[in-house]
Amino acid sequence: MLEYRPGMTDRTIARPTFLAAVLVAVTCALPVSGQDRWSVEKARAWHAAQPWPVGANFIPSSAINQLEMWQADTFDPKTIDRELGYAQALGMNTMRVYLHNLPWEEDAPGFQKRIGEYLAIADKRGIKTIFVLFDSCWNDKPTSGKQPEPKPGVHNSGWVRAPGTERLFDARKWAGLEAFVKGVVGAFKDDRRVLAWDVFNEPSNSGYMDAAMPLLQAAFDWARAAAPSQPITAGLWHDHPKSNDLMLARSDVITFHDYDPPDKLEAQITRLAAQGRPMICTEYMARTRDCTFESCLPVLKKHKVGAINWGLVKGKTNTVYAWDAPRPDGSEPPVWFHDIFRPDGTPFSAKETAFLRAILAPGR
């Protein structure tokens, strides 16, 4: 989830604490090792046993962020079921879904129950899930409870980071984060409905850069300690070579984000193919950037790269609006940036959904 905001010239944040600075220095100085990373052969065998993973980053239209999706009083299985039905009708088989540490820290049994309920709904729809554990994008200082209403015309106005700057910079506050990762991965480590674990979305985003490295490394360690049968990964993006190198070195399967036109996407795939591991593009599709289903999905299919676009249903996340093109009056943009359907199931583009049904049809 690339984060661009109007008028931003440098995505900077408060300086890290002394402790975080020491952790950064130590982490960045250490050689990166696999630490029980899957062999290439094991990764390829896993890939060969899967159908082509195609789907969307999913949050129900009734939720503005991860907390509203997962908190007990706003968890919305009826909407989840209905909207995953739209994906099923297209032929999609995979969703990428963001979790958050706060619901686990506050009520682990309840959160685990809701995750299980979500997985049962998705499985009924023939859909597996890639779960995302941490995220550096958008709003800082995540707080449980009632979440804000969307800001008219502003992309992801209410999305929250996990865990947020204060805890990312202070390893003394990581006990709950470790319990979250080990707890949720451990609970579903052999669940066939979980396709993979994405430990950290765009860790260096929001200006974190090197400061994100210690928690990124720890997230891989904690997930690996839970010994899941599913692959562990974190997705490359454009911003920070150090974290990209670490993610490449520690991921069982290679994941990446790419909102570029098809020629640049294909060049990225060619570069990453040198790793010899299966690949999944876990974010793509931004219509106004010439990154469309019609232009990019055939490239991903040609190279047998999994394809997870941003957005399924227009909703409170406001991701029909572009990162850098707000519409303060809240009017609908003539070309949606992300998302495929309206909440009632009608598509933004009938031509587009016809293309998706054709390319995703069995045997095609």
Protein backbone atom coordinates (compact mmCIF):
# COMPACT_ATOMS: atom_id res chain seq x y z
CA MET A 1 0.00 0.00 0.00
CA LEU A 2 2.11 2.87 -1.24
CA GLU A 3 1.46 6.03 0.73
CA TYR A 4 1.45 9.36 -1.05
CA ARG A 5 -0.15 12.44 0.44
CA PRO A 6 -0.83 15.82 -1.18
CA GLY A 7 1.99 18.32 -0.72
CA MET A 8 4.42 15.82 0.75
CA THR A 9 8.02 16.25 -0.35
CA ASP A 10 9.73 14.03 2.23
CA ARG A 11 7.99 11.35 4.28
CA THR A 12 9.66 12.08 7.58
CA ILE A 13 8.76 11.29 11.15
CA ALA A 14 10.03 12.08 14.62
CA ARG A 15 13.59 11.01 15.34
CA PRO A 16 13.99 7.59 16.92
CA THR A 17 14.76 7.09 20.57
CA PHE A 18 18.33 6.31 21.58
CA LEU A 19 17.37 2.66 22.10
CA ALA A 20 15.91 2.42 18.61
CA ALA A 21 19.01 4.04 17.15
CA VAL A 22 21.20 1.42 18.83
CA LEU A 23 18.94 -1.37 17.54
CA VAL A 24 19.10 0.04 14.02
CA ALA A 25 22.89 0.18 14.12
CA VAL A 26 23.18 -3.39 15.40
CA THR A 27 20.58 -4.81 12.99
CA CYS A 28 21.97 -3.09 9.93
CA ALA A 29 25.49 -4.27 10.78
CA LEU A 30 24.52 -7.93 11.06
CA PRO A 31 24.77 -10.20 8.03
CA VAL A 32 21.36 -11.36 6.84
CA SER A 33 20.88 -15.11 6.91
CA GLY A 34 18.05 -17.41 5.99
CA GLN A 35 17.53 -18.69 9.56
CA ASP A 36 15.56 -21.78 8.56
CA ARG A 37 14.23 -20.17 5.43
CA TRP A 38 12.68 -22.67 3.04
CA SER A 39 14.95 -24.10 0.40
CA VAL A 40 14.30 -23.14 -3.20
CA GLU A 41 13.17 -26.71 -3.83
CA LYS A 42 10.63 -26.61 -0.99
CA ALA A 43 9.31 -23.24 -2.18
CA ARG A 44 8.91 -24.54 -5.72
CA ALA A 45 7.14 -27.68 -4.52
CA TRP A 46 4.72 -25.55 -2.51
CA HIS A 47 4.09 -23.39 -5.57
CA ALA A 48 3.47 -26.39 -7.81
CA ALA A 49 0.76 -27.61 -5.44
CA GLN A 50 -1.18 -24.31 -5.60
CA PRO A 51 -3.48 -22.93 -8.26
CA TRP A 52 -2.41 -19.58 -9.71
CA PRO A 53 -3.11 -17.25 -6.75
CA VAL A 54 -5.26 -14.38 -7.98
CA GLY A 55 -7.37 -12.02 -5.94
CA ALA A 56 -7.50 -8.75 -4.07
CA ASN A 57 -6.44 -6.97 -0.93
CA PHE A 58 -9.66 -7.26 1.05
CA ILE A 59 -11.37 -5.23 3.71
CA PRO A 60 -15.18 -5.13 3.84
CA SER A 61 -16.76 -1.90 2.61
CA SER A 62 -18.18 -1.34 6.11
CA ALA A 63 -14.70 -0.95 7.70
CA ILE A 64 -12.40 2.06 7.45
CA ASN A 65 -9.34 0.20 8.73
CA GLN A 66 -8.02 -3.03 10.22
CA LEU A 67 -9.38 -2.25 13.68
CA GLU A 68 -12.92 -1.65 12.46
CA MET A 69 -12.72 -4.89 10.48
CA TRP A 70 -11.63 -7.01 13.44
CA GLN A 71 -12.98 -5.44 16.66
CA ALA A 72 -15.83 -7.42 18.17
CA ASP A 73 -18.47 -4.70 17.94
CA THR A 74 -17.82 -3.90 14.27
CA PHE A 75 -16.82 -7.31 12.88
CA ASP A 76 -19.23 -7.77 9.97
CA PRO A 77 -19.46 -11.38 8.72
CA LYS A 78 -22.55 -10.71 6.59
CA THR A 79 -20.76 -8.06 4.54
CA ILE A 80 -17.60 -10.17 4.39
CA ASP A 81 -19.58 -13.11 3.02
CA ARG A 82 -21.47 -11.04 0.48
CA GLU A 83 -18.37 -9.26 -0.82
CA LEU A 84 -16.22 -12.37 -0.98
CA GLY A 85 -19.04 -13.76 -3.10
CA TYR A 86 -18.32 -11.04 -5.66
CA ALA A 87 -14.70 -12.20 -5.79
CA GLN A 88 -15.73 -15.84 -6.10
CA ALA A 89 -17.98 -14.99 -9.06
CA LEU A 90 -14.98 -13.49 -10.88
CA GLY A 91 -12.90 -16.63 -10.32
CA MET A 92 -10.63 -15.16 -7.62
CA ASN A 93 -9.13 -17.62 -5.16
CA THR A 94 -6.93 -15.53 -2.83
CA MET A 95 -7.37 -12.50 -0.56
CA ARG A 96 -4.67 -10.54 1.23
CA VAL A 97 -6.04 -9.37 4.58
CA TYR A 98 -4.49 -7.09 7.19
CA LEU A 99 -4.60 -8.04 10.86
CA HIS A 100 -3.57 -5.73 13.73
CA ASN A 101 -1.74 -6.32 16.96
CA LEU A 102 -4.15 -4.38 19.21
CA PRO A 103 -7.17 -6.73 19.04
CA TRP A 104 -4.89 -9.67 19.80
CA GLU A 105 -3.24 -7.94 22.74
CA GLU A 106 -6.60 -6.93 24.19
CA ASP A 107 -8.58 -10.14 23.58
CA ALA A 108 -6.58 -12.91 21.92
CA PRO A 109 -9.27 -15.63 22.24
CA GLY A 110 -11.93 -13.35 20.78
CA PHE A 111 -9.72 -12.19 17.93
CA GLN A 112 -8.68 -15.77 17.14
CA LYS A 113 -12.37 -16.75 17.03
CA ARG A 114 -13.15 -13.95 14.58
CA ILE A 115 -10.19 -14.87 12.38
CA GLY A 116 -11.51 -18.42 12.30
CA GLU A 117 -14.98 -17.16 11.38
CA TYR A 118 -13.51 -15.09 8.55
CA LEU A 119 -11.53 -18.10 7.29
CA ALA A 120 -14.66 -20.27 7.30
CA ILE A 121 -16.48 -17.69 5.17
CA ALA A 122 -13.56 -17.36 2.76
CA ASP A 123 -13.16 -21.12 2.50
CA LYS A 124 -16.85 -21.49 1.67
CA ARG A 125 -16.15 -19.12 -1.22
CA GLY A 126 -13.13 -21.12 -2.41
CA ILE A 127 -10.71 -18.43 -1.23
CA LYS A 128 -7.42 -18.76 0.65
CA THR A 129 -5.88 -15.87 2.59
CA ILE A 130 -2.52 -14.18 2.93
CA PHE A 131 -2.50 -12.48 6.34
CA VAL A 132 -0.48 -9.29 6.91
CA LEU A 133 0.82 -8.81 10.46
CA PHE A 134 2.43 -5.33 10.66
CA ASP A 135 2.10 -2.21 8.50
CA SER A 136 3.91 1.15 8.31
CA CYS A 137 1.35 2.99 6.16
CA TRP A 138 -0.92 5.95 6.83
CA ASN A 139 -2.08 7.12 10.26
CA ASP A 140 0.06 6.83 13.37
CA LYS A 141 -1.03 6.17 16.96
CA PRO A 142 -3.55 3.38 16.39
CA THR A 143 -6.22 3.36 19.11
CA SER A 144 -8.86 0.77 19.83
CA GLY A 145 -12.52 1.69 20.05
CA LYS A 146 -14.69 3.72 17.73
CA GLN A 147 -12.82 4.58 14.55
CA PRO A 148 -13.13 7.89 12.64
CA GLU A 149 -15.48 8.47 9.76
CA PRO A 150 -13.86 8.76 6.31
CA LYS A 151 -12.63 12.17 5.19
CA PRO A 152 -14.52 13.01 1.98
CA GLY A 153 -12.51 12.20 -1.11
CA VAL A 154 -9.30 11.23 0.75
CA HIS A 155 -7.61 7.89 0.02
CA ASN A 156 -7.31 5.68 3.12
CA SER A 157 -8.04 8.58 5.47
CA GLY A 158 -8.61 6.26 8.42
CA TRP A 159 -6.10 3.45 7.87
CA VAL A 160 -3.76 2.90 10.82
CA ARG A 161 -0.22 1.65 11.23
CA ALA A 162 0.68 -1.44 13.21
CA PRO A 163 2.21 -1.02 15.69
CA GLY A 164 2.88 2.72 15.13
CA THR A 165 5.94 4.86 15.74
CA GLU A 166 6.12 4.77 19.54
CA ARG A 167 6.31 1.01 19.80
CA LEU A 168 8.30 0.46 16.62
CA PHE A 169 11.06 2.65 18.11
CA ASP A 170 11.04 1.10 21.59
CA ALA A 171 11.89 -2.60 21.87
CA ARG A 172 10.94 -2.51 25.55
CA LYS A 173 7.32 -2.42 24.30
CA TRP A 174 7.59 -5.38 21.96
CA ALA A 175 6.41 -8.17 24.28
CA GLY A 176 2.83 -7.78 23.11
CA LEU A 177 3.93 -7.65 19.48
CA GLU A 178 5.89 -10.88 19.87
CA ALA A 179 2.91 -12.54 21.56
CA PHE A 180 0.68 -11.39 18.68
CA VAL A 181 2.91 -12.80 15.95
CA LYS A 182 3.66 -16.08 17.67
CA GLY A 183 0.07 -16.41 18.84
CA VAL A 184 -1.74 -15.79 15.57
CA VAL A 185 0.76 -17.68 13.40
CA GLY A 186 0.88 -20.51 15.90
CA ALA A 187 -2.91 -20.76 16.04
CA PHE A 188 -3.25 -21.14 12.26
CA LYS A 189 0.16 -22.56 11.34
CA ASP A 190 -1.26 -25.74 9.80
CA ASP A 191 -4.52 -24.29 8.52
CA ARG A 192 -4.92 -25.10 4.82
CA ARG A 193 -7.10 -21.97 4.44
CA VAL A 194 -4.07 -19.73 5.06
CA LEU A 195 -1.91 -19.41 1.96
CA ALA A 196 0.99 -17.42 3.45
CA TRP A 197 2.10 -15.01 6.18
CA ASP A 198 3.16 -11.50 5.12
CA VAL A 199 4.98 -10.28 8.20
CA PHE A 200 5.32 -6.56 7.48
CA ASN A 201 3.73 -4.33 4.84
CA GLU A 202 6.12 -1.68 3.45
CA PRO A 203 8.10 -1.48 6.69
CA SER A 204 10.18 1.55 5.70
CA ASN A 205 7.17 3.64 4.67
CA SER A 206 6.16 6.83 6.54
CA GLY A 207 9.82 7.83 6.61
CA TYR A 208 10.85 4.99 8.93
CA MET A 209 13.66 3.81 6.65
CA ASP A 210 16.45 2.20 8.74
CA ALA A 211 14.41 2.57 11.94
CA ALA A 212 12.07 -0.21 10.73
CA MET A 213 14.84 -2.77 10.35
CA PRO A 214 14.91 -4.15 13.92
CA LEU A 215 11.18 -4.86 14.06
CA LEU A 216 11.21 -6.25 10.53
CA GLN A 217 13.96 -8.67 11.51
CA ALA A 218 12.14 -9.56 14.73
CA ALA A 219 8.85 -10.14 12.88
CA PHE A 220 10.55 -12.72 10.66
CA ASP A 221 12.13 -14.36 13.73
CA TRP A 222 8.85 -14.54 15.65
CA ALA A 223 6.89 -15.91 12.70
CA ARG A 224 9.59 -18.51 12.01
CA ALA A 225 9.58 -19.55 15.69
CA ALA A 226 5.90 -20.46 15.34
CA ALA A 227 6.92 -23.06 12.70
CA PRO A 228 4.09 -22.53 10.20
CA SER A 229 3.55 -24.97 7.37
CA GLN A 230 2.76 -22.00 5.13
CA PRO A 231 5.48 -19.75 3.64
CA ILE A 232 6.65 -16.57 5.35
CA THR A 233 7.27 -13.46 3.28
CA ALA A 234 7.34 -9.66 3.17
CA GLY A 235 6.88 -7.62 0.02
CA LEU A 236 9.50 -5.52 -1.71
CA TRP A 237 8.63 -1.98 -2.71
CA HIS A 238 10.54 0.96 -4.16
CA ASP A 239 11.59 2.94 -1.13
CA HIS A 240 14.40 1.35 0.88
CA PRO A 241 17.16 -0.98 -0.38
CA LYS A 242 18.16 -2.26 3.08
CA SER A 243 14.72 -3.56 3.97
CA ASN A 244 14.24 -4.89 0.45
CA ASP A 245 17.48 -6.86 0.73
CA LEU A 246 16.45 -8.26 4.11
CA MET A 247 13.02 -9.25 2.81
CA LEU A 248 14.56 -10.97 -0.21
CA ALA A 249 16.99 -12.85 2.00
CA ARG A 250 14.40 -14.08 4.50
CA SER A 251 11.24 -14.71 2.45
CA ASP A 252 10.31 -18.27 1.51
CA VAL A 253 8.45 -16.98 -1.55
CA ILE A 254 9.12 -13.58 -3.12
CA THR A 255 6.38 -10.97 -2.84
CA PHE A 256 6.46 -7.44 -4.18
CA HIS A 257 4.34 -4.37 -4.94
CA ASP A 258 4.18 -2.81 -8.39
CA TYR A 259 1.87 -0.02 -9.51
CA ASP A 260 3.75 0.61 -12.75
CA PRO A 261 2.72 0.08 -16.39
CA PRO A 262 3.20 -3.41 -17.86
CA ASP A 263 6.67 -2.87 -19.34
CA LYS A 264 8.11 -1.86 -15.96
CA LEU A 265 6.20 -4.65 -14.23
CA GLU A 266 7.72 -7.20 -16.60
CA ALA A 267 11.20 -5.78 -15.99
CA GLN A 268 10.65 -6.14 -12.24
CA ILE A 269 9.55 -9.75 -12.65
CA THR A 270 12.64 -10.50 -14.76
CA ARG A 271 14.93 -9.06 -12.07
CA LEU A 272 13.27 -11.01 -9.27
CA ALA A 273 13.21 -14.25 -11.26
CA ALA A 274 16.95 -14.49 -10.63
CA GLN A 275 16.07 -15.51 -7.06
CA GLY A 276 14.68 -18.79 -8.42
CA ARG A 277 11.69 -18.67 -6.07
CA PRO A 278 7.94 -18.42 -6.70
CA MET A 279 6.63 -14.87 -6.87
CA ILE A 280 3.40 -13.13 -5.90
CA CYS A 281 2.68 -9.49 -6.67
CA THR A 282 0.74 -8.61 -3.53
CA GLU A 283 -0.23 -5.10 -4.66
CA TYR A 284 -0.94 -3.75 -8.13
CA MET A 285 -3.73 -2.08 -10.19
CA ALA A 286 -3.99 1.69 -10.20
CA ARG A 287 -6.02 2.64 -13.24
CA THR A 288 -4.82 6.22 -13.64
CA ARG A 289 -1.18 5.06 -13.68
CA ASP A 290 -1.68 2.69 -16.66
CA CYS A 291 -1.60 -0.22 -14.25
CA THR A 292 -4.85 -1.98 -15.12
CA PHE A 293 -6.16 -5.51 -15.14
CA GLU A 294 -6.18 -5.57 -18.92
CA SER A 295 -2.58 -4.33 -19.21
CA CYS A 296 -0.86 -6.02 -16.26
CA LEU A 297 -2.71 -9.22 -15.40
CA PRO A 298 -1.68 -10.95 -18.67
CA VAL A 299 1.97 -10.17 -17.83
CA LEU A 300 1.60 -11.71 -14.38
CA LYS A 301 -0.14 -14.77 -15.81
CA LYS A 302 2.50 -15.19 -18.53
CA HIS A 303 5.24 -15.41 -15.89
CA LYS A 304 3.13 -17.48 -13.44
CA VAL A 305 3.32 -14.73 -10.84
CA GLY A 306 0.50 -14.49 -8.32
CA ALA A 307 -1.62 -11.37 -8.69
CA ILE A 308 -3.28 -9.58 -5.76
CA ASN A 309 -4.72 -6.21 -6.77
CA TRP A 310 -5.54 -3.40 -4.37
CA GLY A 311 -9.18 -3.30 -3.53
CA LEU A 312 -12.33 -5.31 -4.06
CA VAL A 313 -15.31 -3.18 -3.02
CA LYS A 314 -15.68 0.59 -2.83
CA GLY A 315 -16.16 1.49 0.81
CA LYS A 316 -15.01 3.46 3.82
CA THR A 317 -11.33 3.18 2.88
CA ASN A 318 -11.96 5.60 -0.03
CA THR A 319 -9.46 3.82 -2.25
CA VAL A 320 -11.38 4.73 -5.40
CA TYR A 321 -9.55 8.06 -4.91
CA ALA A 322 -5.89 8.27 -5.91
CA TRP A 323 -3.14 8.69 -3.31
CA ASP A 324 -2.25 12.16 -4.55
CA ALA A 325 -5.56 13.38 -6.02
CA PRO A 326 -8.13 14.01 -3.27
CA ARG A 327 -11.61 15.22 -4.13
CA PRO A 328 -12.66 17.30 -1.09
CA ASP A 329 -16.28 17.44 -2.22
CA GLY A 330 -16.41 13.65 -2.04
CA SER A 331 -17.60 13.30 -5.61
CA GLU A 332 -16.81 10.03 -7.34
CA PRO A 333 -13.79 10.18 -9.66
CA PRO A 334 -14.60 9.39 -13.31
CA VAL A 335 -11.90 6.70 -13.24
CA TRP A 336 -11.58 4.76 -10.01
CA PHE A 337 -8.03 4.42 -8.74
CA HIS A 338 -8.55 1.03 -7.02
CA ASP A 339 -11.47 -1.35 -6.33
CA ILE A 340 -13.74 -3.34 -8.62
CA PHE A 341 -17.30 -3.32 -7.25
CA ARG A 342 -19.80 -1.05 -5.58
CA PRO A 343 -21.24 -2.40 -2.31
CA ASP A 344 -24.32 -3.70 -4.14
CA GLY A 345 -22.12 -5.81 -6.44
CA THR A 346 -22.37 -3.73 -9.59
CA PRO A 347 -18.92 -3.25 -11.15
CA PHE A 348 -17.11 -0.01 -11.87
CA SER A 349 -16.61 -1.41 -15.37
CA ALA A 350 -18.62 -4.27 -16.82
CA LYS A 351 -16.02 -4.61 -19.56
CA GLU A 352 -13.31 -5.02 -16.92
CA THR A 353 -15.15 -7.70 -14.95
CA ALA A 354 -15.89 -9.57 -18.19
CA PHE A 355 -12.15 -9.55 -18.88
CA LEU A 356 -11.44 -10.85 -15.38
CA ARG A 357 -13.96 -13.66 -15.66
CA ALA A 358 -12.44 -14.68 -18.97
CA ILE A 359 -8.78 -14.66 -17.90
CA LEU A 360 -9.59 -16.37 -14.60
CA ALA A 361 -11.83 -19.04 -16.10
CA PRO A 362 -10.67 -22.61 -15.41
CA GLY A 363 -8.47 -23.93 -18.17
CA ARG A 364 -7.64 -20.51 -19.60
